[in-house]
């Protein structure tokens, strides 16, 4: 693996993704998977993120688990785990470029939904919760992007930034176990994935530290604005239109 533009691109992406994940509790995959996929492909980017995120967010996750609203997190996670194998199947068989277009469109659609001011105002029902979990599990298995559906559901429901962040860390902790099992079963944990994880992990760790420190002084309004900006920039920069810059 040469120290070329693709690796520099991936390193910068890991740092920014770590900052976002540490600050908001989500968004790391929205940045990391589409952008690193432009250089190395989704079948490498997704398992790399799973490894470095699972290992490096463990200290934060353990601290915030006590703040999770488990009667909301548990059913979402359960239905997401059921859907993860389908997402892994998509990752293994879908055209990589088509999958990346789908991820970018998903990110932009989430952004439009949140910026529009739409809020889920009804009382969270079990069928709706399970449905959101199924969608989240599918995208989680396909690209470690289970966050968008869950974020729209919880941010739209009027939860505080701190509560959303805590719930997300709890949800991802459970969903990651299922994704890891699926990736291992289908042979996605390769030598290339291991090497790239070792190279990008330290930068992701620095980003997590910076993001977690920044969250301590952030208001709910700042939290939402930062999340919106990150999603927009990641979705636009990850479009396959820019592949020529990384894969001449």
Protein backbone atom coordinates (compact mmCIF):
# COMPACT_ATOMS: atom_id res chain seq x y z
CA UNK A 1 0.00 0.00 0.00
CA UNK A 2 1.83 3.10 -1.21
CA UNK A 3 1.64 6.49 0.47
CA UNK A 4 -0.25 8.07 -2.39
CA UNK A 5 -3.17 10.45 -2.74
CA UNK A 6 -5.69 7.73 -1.95
CA UNK A 7 -4.09 7.01 1.43
CA UNK A 8 -3.77 10.71 2.27
CA UNK A 9 -7.45 11.12 1.36
CA UNK A 10 -8.39 8.20 3.61
CA UNK A 11 -6.28 9.54 6.49
CA UNK A 12 -7.89 12.98 6.35
CA UNK A 13 -11.30 11.35 6.14
CA UNK A 14 -10.61 9.22 9.23
CA UNK A 15 -9.72 12.31 11.25
CA UNK A 16 -12.84 14.23 10.24
CA UNK A 17 -15.07 11.17 10.69
CA UNK A 18 -13.67 10.65 14.19
CA UNK A 19 -14.39 14.26 15.17
CA UNK A 20 -17.96 13.93 13.95
CA UNK A 21 -18.58 10.60 15.70
CA UNK A 22 -17.11 11.84 18.96
CA UNK A 23 -19.15 15.04 18.85
CA UNK A 24 -22.55 13.84 17.70
CA UNK A 25 -22.59 10.09 18.35
CA UNK A 26 -23.24 9.46 14.65
CA UNK A 27 -22.01 10.65 11.26
CA UNK A 28 -18.72 8.79 11.24
CA UNK A 29 -19.98 6.28 8.69
CA UNK A 30 -21.69 8.97 6.62
CA UNK A 31 -18.27 10.53 6.12
CA UNK A 32 -15.89 7.57 6.26
CA UNK A 33 -17.59 4.90 4.15
CA UNK A 34 -18.51 6.95 1.05
CA UNK A 35 -15.22 8.90 0.98
CA UNK A 36 -12.88 5.98 1.68
CA UNK A 37 -14.92 3.87 -0.76
CA UNK A 38 -13.90 6.31 -3.48
CA UNK A 39 -10.30 5.18 -2.98
CA UNK A 40 -10.54 1.57 -1.78
CA UNK A 41 -14.10 0.38 -2.47
CA UNK A 42 -17.05 -0.21 -0.09
CA UNK A 43 -16.00 -3.80 0.64
CA UNK A 44 -12.84 -2.41 2.30
CA UNK A 45 -14.15 0.83 3.77
CA UNK A 46 -17.08 -0.69 5.68
CA UNK A 47 -15.14 -3.37 7.62
CA UNK A 48 -12.28 -0.94 8.32
CA UNK A 49 -14.71 1.48 9.94
CA UNK A 50 -16.34 -1.32 11.93
CA UNK A 51 -12.98 -2.33 13.39
CA UNK A 52 -11.63 1.09 14.31
CA UNK A 53 -14.97 2.46 15.50
CA UNK A 54 -15.81 -0.55 17.68
CA UNK A 55 -12.40 -0.55 19.35
CA UNK A 56 -11.92 3.19 19.77
CA UNK A 57 -15.42 4.23 20.82
CA UNK A 58 -15.58 1.58 23.57
CA UNK A 59 -14.52 4.01 26.36
CA UNK A 60 -17.14 6.59 25.32
CA UNK A 61 -19.80 3.90 24.93
CA UNK A 62 -19.21 2.53 28.43
CA UNK A 63 -19.56 6.01 29.92
CA UNK A 64 -22.86 6.86 28.23
CA UNK A 65 -24.62 3.47 28.39
CA UNK A 66 -26.19 4.35 31.73
CA UNK A 67 -27.89 7.34 30.05
CA UNK A 68 -29.53 5.28 27.27
CA UNK A 69 -33.29 5.01 27.10
CA UNK A 70 -33.19 1.23 26.78
CA UNK A 71 -36.90 0.72 26.13
CA UNK A 72 -36.33 2.72 22.92
CA UNK A 73 -32.88 1.39 22.05
CA UNK A 74 -33.51 -2.33 22.56
CA UNK A 75 -36.35 -2.89 20.03
CA UNK A 76 -34.57 -0.76 17.42
CA UNK A 77 -31.39 -2.74 17.86
CA UNK A 78 -33.20 -6.08 17.79
CA UNK A 79 -34.92 -5.40 14.47
CA UNK A 80 -31.71 -3.92 13.04
CA UNK A 81 -29.79 -7.09 13.91
CA UNK A 82 -32.37 -9.15 12.01
CA UNK A 83 -31.85 -7.02 8.88
CA UNK A 84 -28.04 -6.90 8.99
CA UNK A 85 -27.51 -10.14 6.96
CA UNK A 86 -29.50 -8.66 4.07
CA UNK A 87 -27.30 -5.57 4.16
CA UNK A 88 -24.15 -7.72 4.14
CA UNK A 89 -25.54 -9.56 1.11
CA UNK A 90 -26.00 -6.21 -0.66
CA UNK A 91 -22.41 -5.21 0.17
CA UNK A 92 -21.06 -8.46 -1.28
CA UNK A 93 -23.14 -8.48 -4.46
CA UNK A 94 -24.12 -4.92 -5.40
CA UNK A 95 -22.16 -2.88 -7.93
CA UNK A 96 -19.74 -0.72 -5.86
CA UNK A 97 -20.40 2.49 -7.81
CA UNK A 98 -24.15 1.99 -7.65
CA UNK A 99 -23.92 1.35 -3.92
CA UNK A 100 -21.95 4.57 -3.41
CA UNK A 101 -24.54 6.57 -5.34
CA UNK A 102 -27.21 5.05 -3.10
CA UNK A 103 -25.26 6.01 0.03
CA UNK A 104 -24.82 9.60 -1.14
CA UNK A 105 -28.52 9.89 -2.00
CA UNK A 106 -29.42 8.45 1.39
CA UNK A 107 -27.26 11.02 3.18
CA UNK A 108 -28.73 13.93 1.20
CA UNK A 109 -32.28 12.65 1.73
CA UNK A 110 -31.71 12.48 5.47
CA UNK A 111 -30.34 16.02 5.43
CA UNK A 112 -33.32 17.35 3.47
CA UNK A 113 -35.70 15.65 5.89
CA UNK A 114 -34.06 17.15 8.95
CA UNK A 115 -33.53 20.64 7.55
CA UNK A 116 -37.13 20.79 6.37
CA UNK A 117 -38.18 20.96 9.99
CA UNK A 118 -40.16 17.72 9.85
CA UNK A 119 -40.50 16.05 13.20
CA UNK A 120 -41.92 12.69 14.16
CA UNK A 121 -44.60 14.04 16.48
CA UNK A 122 -46.51 10.85 17.23
CA UNK A 123 -45.99 8.61 20.21
CA UNK A 124 -43.29 6.06 19.23
CA UNK A 125 -45.12 2.82 18.51
CA UNK A 126 -43.57 -0.62 18.35
CA UNK A 127 -44.34 -1.18 14.62
CA UNK A 128 -42.74 2.15 13.66
CA UNK A 129 -39.75 1.47 15.89
CA UNK A 130 -39.25 -1.99 14.39
CA UNK A 131 -39.58 -0.60 10.86
CA UNK A 132 -36.91 2.01 11.50
CA UNK A 133 -34.70 -0.72 12.92
CA UNK A 134 -35.08 -2.88 9.80
CA UNK A 135 -34.05 0.01 7.55
CA UNK A 136 -31.14 0.85 9.84
CA UNK A 137 -29.93 -2.75 9.94
CA UNK A 138 -29.98 -3.07 6.17
CA UNK A 139 -27.84 0.02 5.65
CA UNK A 140 -25.66 -0.91 8.59
CA UNK A 141 -24.79 -4.26 7.06
CA UNK A 142 -24.25 -2.73 3.63
CA UNK A 143 -22.09 0.22 4.64
CA UNK A 144 -21.99 0.74 8.41
CA UNK A 145 -24.61 3.47 7.87
CA UNK A 146 -27.34 2.38 10.25
CA UNK A 147 -27.39 5.87 11.75
CA UNK A 148 -29.44 7.92 9.25
CA UNK A 149 -32.81 6.27 9.85
CA UNK A 150 -32.30 6.18 13.61
CA UNK A 151 -31.07 9.78 13.77
CA UNK A 152 -34.08 11.05 11.81
CA UNK A 153 -36.37 9.10 14.13
CA UNK A 154 -34.85 10.33 17.40
CA UNK A 155 -33.95 13.90 16.39
CA UNK A 156 -37.40 14.27 14.92
CA UNK A 157 -38.98 13.12 18.15
CA UNK A 158 -37.76 16.09 20.15
CA UNK A 159 -35.06 14.32 22.19
CA UNK A 160 -32.25 16.45 23.56
CA UNK A 161 -28.81 16.28 21.96
CA UNK A 162 -27.40 14.47 24.99
CA UNK A 163 -30.16 11.84 24.94
CA UNK A 164 -29.85 11.23 21.19
CA UNK A 165 -26.08 10.90 21.51
CA UNK A 166 -26.34 8.41 24.39
CA UNK A 167 -28.99 6.33 22.61
CA UNK A 168 -26.92 6.25 19.43
CA UNK A 169 -23.84 4.93 21.21
CA UNK A 170 -25.95 2.21 22.82
CA UNK A 171 -27.64 1.30 19.54
CA UNK A 172 -24.37 1.14 17.59
CA UNK A 173 -22.76 -1.03 20.25
CA UNK A 174 -25.43 -3.69 19.74
CA UNK A 175 -25.70 -3.34 15.94
CA UNK A 176 -21.93 -3.57 15.50
CA UNK A 177 -21.86 -7.07 16.96
CA UNK A 178 -24.24 -8.30 14.27
CA UNK A 179 -22.35 -6.56 11.47
CA UNK A 180 -19.03 -7.98 12.66
CA UNK A 181 -20.46 -11.49 12.61
CA UNK A 182 -21.78 -11.00 9.08
CA UNK A 183 -18.49 -9.58 7.80
CA UNK A 184 -16.52 -12.41 9.35
CA UNK A 185 -18.86 -15.03 7.88
CA UNK A 186 -18.48 -13.62 4.36
CA UNK A 187 -14.71 -13.11 4.53
CA UNK A 188 -14.58 -9.31 4.47
CA UNK A 189 -11.93 -9.07 7.19
CA UNK A 190 -8.93 -9.29 4.85
CA UNK A 191 -5.25 -8.43 5.24
CA UNK A 192 -5.83 -5.16 3.39
CA UNK A 193 -8.59 -4.28 5.84
CA UNK A 194 -6.30 -5.03 8.78
CA UNK A 195 -3.46 -2.89 7.42
CA UNK A 196 -5.71 0.04 6.63
CA UNK A 197 -7.29 -0.21 10.09
CA UNK A 198 -3.86 0.07 11.72
CA UNK A 199 -2.97 3.09 9.58
CA UNK A 200 -6.22 5.00 10.01
CA UNK A 201 -7.08 4.01 13.59
CA UNK A 202 -4.78 6.54 15.31
CA UNK A 203 -6.21 9.45 13.32
CA UNK A 204 -9.76 8.30 14.04
CA UNK A 205 -8.85 8.15 17.74
CA UNK A 206 -7.55 11.73 17.70
CA UNK A 207 -10.76 12.83 16.01
CA UNK A 208 -12.90 11.06 18.61
CA UNK A 209 -11.05 12.84 21.41
CA UNK A 210 -11.47 16.26 19.77
CA UNK A 211 -15.15 15.65 19.04
CA UNK A 212 -15.97 14.43 22.55
CA UNK A 213 -14.30 17.46 24.10
CA UNK A 214 -16.16 19.82 21.75
CA UNK A 215 -19.54 18.27 22.64
CA UNK A 216 -19.21 19.30 26.29
CA UNK A 217 -19.79 22.97 25.46
CA UNK A 218 -22.27 22.55 22.62
CA UNK A 219 -25.92 23.57 22.75
CA UNK A 220 -28.73 21.58 21.11
CA UNK A 221 -28.85 24.14 18.29
CA UNK A 222 -25.11 23.91 17.63
CA UNK A 223 -25.33 20.13 17.74
CA UNK A 224 -27.97 20.03 15.00
CA UNK A 225 -26.24 22.60 12.78
CA UNK A 226 -22.92 20.78 12.98
CA UNK A 227 -24.58 17.49 12.12
CA UNK A 228 -26.33 19.01 9.10
CA UNK A 229 -23.12 20.57 7.76
CA UNK A 230 -21.14 17.35 8.10
CA UNK A 231 -23.78 15.26 6.31
CA UNK A 232 -23.97 17.73 3.41
CA UNK A 233 -20.21 17.95 2.86
CA UNK A 234 -19.72 14.20 3.13
CA UNK A 235 -22.51 13.37 0.70
CA UNK A 236 -21.29 15.82 -1.94
CA UNK A 237 -17.60 14.91 -1.63
CA UNK A 238 -18.33 11.17 -1.84
CA UNK A 239 -20.10 11.26 -5.20
CA UNK A 240 -18.45 8.95 -7.78
CA UNK A 241 -18.04 12.02 -10.00
CA UNK A 242 -14.72 12.70 -8.27
CA UNK A 243 -13.20 9.24 -8.70
CA UNK A 244 -10.80 10.46 -11.38
CA UNK A 245 -8.88 12.42 -8.76
CA UNK A 246 -8.19 9.29 -6.71
CA UNK A 247 -8.09 6.54 -9.32
CA UNK A 248 -6.50 8.00 -12.41
